[in-house]
């Protein structure tokens, strides 16, 4: 379920959908709780104990590249100057402007 999750954008609505989906799966696996000859759906605290307080959002964030990696620094790097506007100037010798 977390294939390529290190590239996902985790906005608040996406986080909520992931958490809701994450709760749905253990409820189906572990089933209802029997109390006094009646059945009820497990609450979130009971599910937390069963899955040992692991969270899919934390799992996704842990897969991301650390800020200290050179690749991440280069990706986030901003150049100090900007390129000039317009068509690039011809900067090499032997350039001709004909169709061939």
C-alpha atoms as a PDB file:
ATOM      1  CA  UNK A   1       0.000   0.000   0.000  1.00  0.00           C
ATOM      2  CA  UNK A   2       2.926   2.374   0.508  1.00  0.00           C
ATOM      3  CA  UNK A   3       4.487   1.926  -2.941  1.00  0.00           C
ATOM      4  CA  UNK A   4       6.351   5.141  -3.892  1.00  0.00           C
ATOM      5  CA  UNK A   5       4.903   6.814  -0.789  1.00  0.00           C
ATOM      6  CA  UNK A   6       8.096   8.850  -0.265  1.00  0.00           C
ATOM      7  CA  UNK A   7       6.913  11.000  -3.187  1.00  0.00           C
ATOM      8  CA  UNK A   8       3.344  11.499  -1.954  1.00  0.00           C
ATOM      9  CA  UNK A   9       2.277  14.981  -0.912  1.00  0.00           C
ATOM     10  CA  UNK A  10       0.912  14.607   2.611  1.00  0.00           C
ATOM     11  CA  UNK A  11      -1.742  17.286   2.926  1.00  0.00           C
ATOM     12  CA  UNK A  12      -4.120  17.225   5.873  1.00  0.00           C
ATOM     13  CA  UNK A  13      -7.019  15.703   3.901  1.00  0.00           C
ATOM     14  CA  UNK A  14      -4.748  12.935   2.533  1.00  0.00           C
ATOM     15  CA  UNK A  15      -3.456  12.197   6.046  1.00  0.00           C
ATOM     16  CA  UNK A  16      -7.032  11.874   7.352  1.00  0.00           C
ATOM     17  CA  UNK A  17      -8.003   9.510   4.522  1.00  0.00           C
ATOM     18  CA  UNK A  18      -4.937   7.351   5.193  1.00  0.00           C
ATOM     19  CA  UNK A  19      -5.703   7.179   8.911  1.00  0.00           C
ATOM     20  CA  UNK A  20      -9.345   6.242   8.272  1.00  0.00           C
ATOM     21  CA  UNK A  21      -8.276   3.533   5.827  1.00  0.00           C
ATOM     22  CA  UNK A  22      -5.655   2.311   8.276  1.00  0.00           C
ATOM     23  CA  UNK A  23      -8.321   1.844  10.980  1.00  0.00           C
ATOM     24  CA  UNK A  24     -10.646   0.002   8.622  1.00  0.00           C
ATOM     25  CA  UNK A  25      -8.193  -2.827   7.890  1.00  0.00           C
ATOM     26  CA  UNK A  26      -7.516  -3.979  11.518  1.00  0.00           C
ATOM     27  CA  UNK A  27     -11.228  -3.738  12.329  1.00  0.00           C
ATOM     28  CA  UNK A  28     -11.877  -6.295   9.610  1.00  0.00           C
ATOM     29  CA  UNK A  29      -8.924  -8.487  10.600  1.00  0.00           C
ATOM     30  CA  UNK A  30      -9.474  -8.545  14.378  1.00  0.00           C
ATOM     31  CA  UNK A  31     -13.273  -8.483  14.210  1.00  0.00           C
ATOM     32  CA  UNK A  32     -15.742  -7.244  16.804  1.00  0.00           C
ATOM     33  CA  UNK A  33     -15.373  -7.468  20.582  1.00  0.00           C
ATOM     34  CA  UNK A  34     -17.764  -9.636  22.585  1.00  0.00           C
ATOM     35  CA  UNK A  35     -19.104  -8.065  25.780  1.00  0.00           C
ATOM     36  CA  UNK A  36     -22.009  -9.420  27.830  1.00  0.00           C
ATOM     37  CA  UNK A  37     -23.275 -11.613  25.000  1.00  0.00           C
ATOM     38  CA  UNK A  38     -23.281  -8.628  22.590  1.00  0.00           C
ATOM     39  CA  UNK A  39     -20.837  -7.689  19.879  1.00  0.00           C
ATOM     40  CA  UNK A  40     -19.438  -4.229  19.284  1.00  0.00           C
ATOM     41  CA  UNK A  41     -16.857  -2.732  16.954  1.00  0.00           C
ATOM     42  CA  UNK A  42     -13.453  -2.138  18.531  1.00  0.00           C
ATOM     43  CA  UNK A  43     -12.745   1.493  19.368  1.00  0.00           C
ATOM     44  CA  UNK A  44      -9.607   3.369  18.279  1.00  0.00           C
ATOM     45  CA  UNK A  45      -7.802   2.857  21.605  1.00  0.00           C
ATOM     46  CA  UNK A  46      -8.247  -0.912  21.377  1.00  0.00           C
ATOM     47  CA  UNK A  47      -6.988  -0.891  17.792  1.00  0.00           C
ATOM     48  CA  UNK A  48      -3.968   1.199  18.827  1.00  0.00           C
ATOM     49  CA  UNK A  49      -2.987  -1.456  21.378  1.00  0.00           C
ATOM     50  CA  UNK A  50      -3.393  -4.230  18.808  1.00  0.00           C
ATOM     51  CA  UNK A  51      -1.236  -2.528  16.174  1.00  0.00           C
ATOM     52  CA  UNK A  52       1.270  -1.346  18.810  1.00  0.00           C
ATOM     53  CA  UNK A  53       0.693   2.373  18.164  1.00  0.00           C
ATOM     54  CA  UNK A  54       2.200   2.192  14.662  1.00  0.00           C
ATOM     55  CA  UNK A  55       0.941   4.819  12.256  1.00  0.00           C
ATOM     56  CA  UNK A  56       0.979   4.737   8.451  1.00  0.00           C
ATOM     57  CA  UNK A  57       1.750   8.463   8.228  1.00  0.00           C
ATOM     58  CA  UNK A  58       4.844   8.046  10.424  1.00  0.00           C
ATOM     59  CA  UNK A  59       5.891   5.049   8.310  1.00  0.00           C
ATOM     60  CA  UNK A  60       5.641   7.131   5.124  1.00  0.00           C
ATOM     61  CA  UNK A  61       7.593  10.032   6.645  1.00  0.00           C
ATOM     62  CA  UNK A  62      10.311   7.634   7.837  1.00  0.00           C
ATOM     63  CA  UNK A  63      10.853   6.427   4.256  1.00  0.00           C
ATOM     64  CA  UNK A  64      11.680   9.907   3.022  1.00  0.00           C
ATOM     65  CA  UNK A  65      15.205  10.990   2.240  1.00  0.00           C
ATOM     66  CA  UNK A  66      16.922  12.777   5.146  1.00  0.00           C
ATOM     67  CA  UNK A  67      17.620  16.492   4.748  1.00  0.00           C
ATOM     68  CA  UNK A  68      21.358  15.872   5.215  1.00  0.00           C
ATOM     69  CA  UNK A  69      21.772  13.819   2.010  1.00  0.00           C
ATOM     70  CA  UNK A  70      23.635  15.584  -0.823  1.00  0.00           C
ATOM     71  CA  UNK A  71      20.936  14.609  -3.311  1.00  0.00           C
ATOM     72  CA  UNK A  72      18.263  16.341  -1.242  1.00  0.00           C
ATOM     73  CA  UNK A  73      20.424  19.458  -0.806  1.00  0.00           C
ATOM     74  CA  UNK A  74      20.996  19.694  -4.566  1.00  0.00           C
ATOM     75  CA  UNK A  75      17.283  19.191  -5.230  1.00  0.00           C
ATOM     76  CA  UNK A  76      16.378  22.070  -2.898  1.00  0.00           C
ATOM     77  CA  UNK A  77      19.229  24.324  -4.088  1.00  0.00           C
ATOM     78  CA  UNK A  78      18.292  27.700  -5.592  1.00  0.00           C
ATOM     79  CA  UNK A  79      20.725  29.453  -7.957  1.00  0.00           C
ATOM     80  CA  UNK A  80      21.944  32.894  -6.920  1.00  0.00           C
ATOM     81  CA  UNK A  81      21.332  34.505 -10.327  1.00  0.00           C
ATOM     82  CA  UNK A  82      18.762  34.093 -13.063  1.00  0.00           C
ATOM     83  CA  UNK A  83      19.230  33.310 -16.713  1.00  0.00           C
ATOM     84  CA  UNK A  84      18.817  36.167 -19.209  1.00  0.00           C
ATOM     85  CA  UNK A  85      15.489  36.443 -21.009  1.00  0.00           C
ATOM     86  CA  UNK A  86      15.092  35.666 -24.667  1.00  0.00           C
ATOM     87  CA  UNK A  87      16.888  33.488 -27.147  1.00  0.00           C
ATOM     88  CA  UNK A  88      20.264  32.118 -26.050  1.00  0.00           C
ATOM     89  CA  UNK A  89      23.271  33.929 -27.484  1.00  0.00           C
ATOM     90  CA  UNK A  90      25.574  32.006 -29.840  1.00  0.00           C
ATOM     91  CA  UNK A  91      28.592  31.311 -27.679  1.00  0.00           C
ATOM     92  CA  UNK A  92      30.591  28.835 -29.709  1.00  0.00           C
ATOM     93  CA  UNK A  93      32.775  29.196 -32.760  1.00  0.00           C
ATOM     94  CA  UNK A  94      31.805  27.932 -36.190  1.00  0.00           C
ATOM     95  CA  UNK A  95      28.089  28.539 -35.780  1.00  0.00           C
ATOM     96  CA  UNK A  96      26.307  29.451 -38.967  1.00  0.00           C
ATOM     97  CA  UNK A  97      22.732  30.634 -39.396  1.00  0.00           C
ATOM     98  CA  UNK A  98      21.834  28.815 -42.613  1.00  0.00           C
ATOM     99  CA  UNK A  99      19.315  25.995 -42.955  1.00  0.00           C
ATOM    100  CA  UNK A 100      22.129  23.380 -43.269  1.00  0.00           C
END
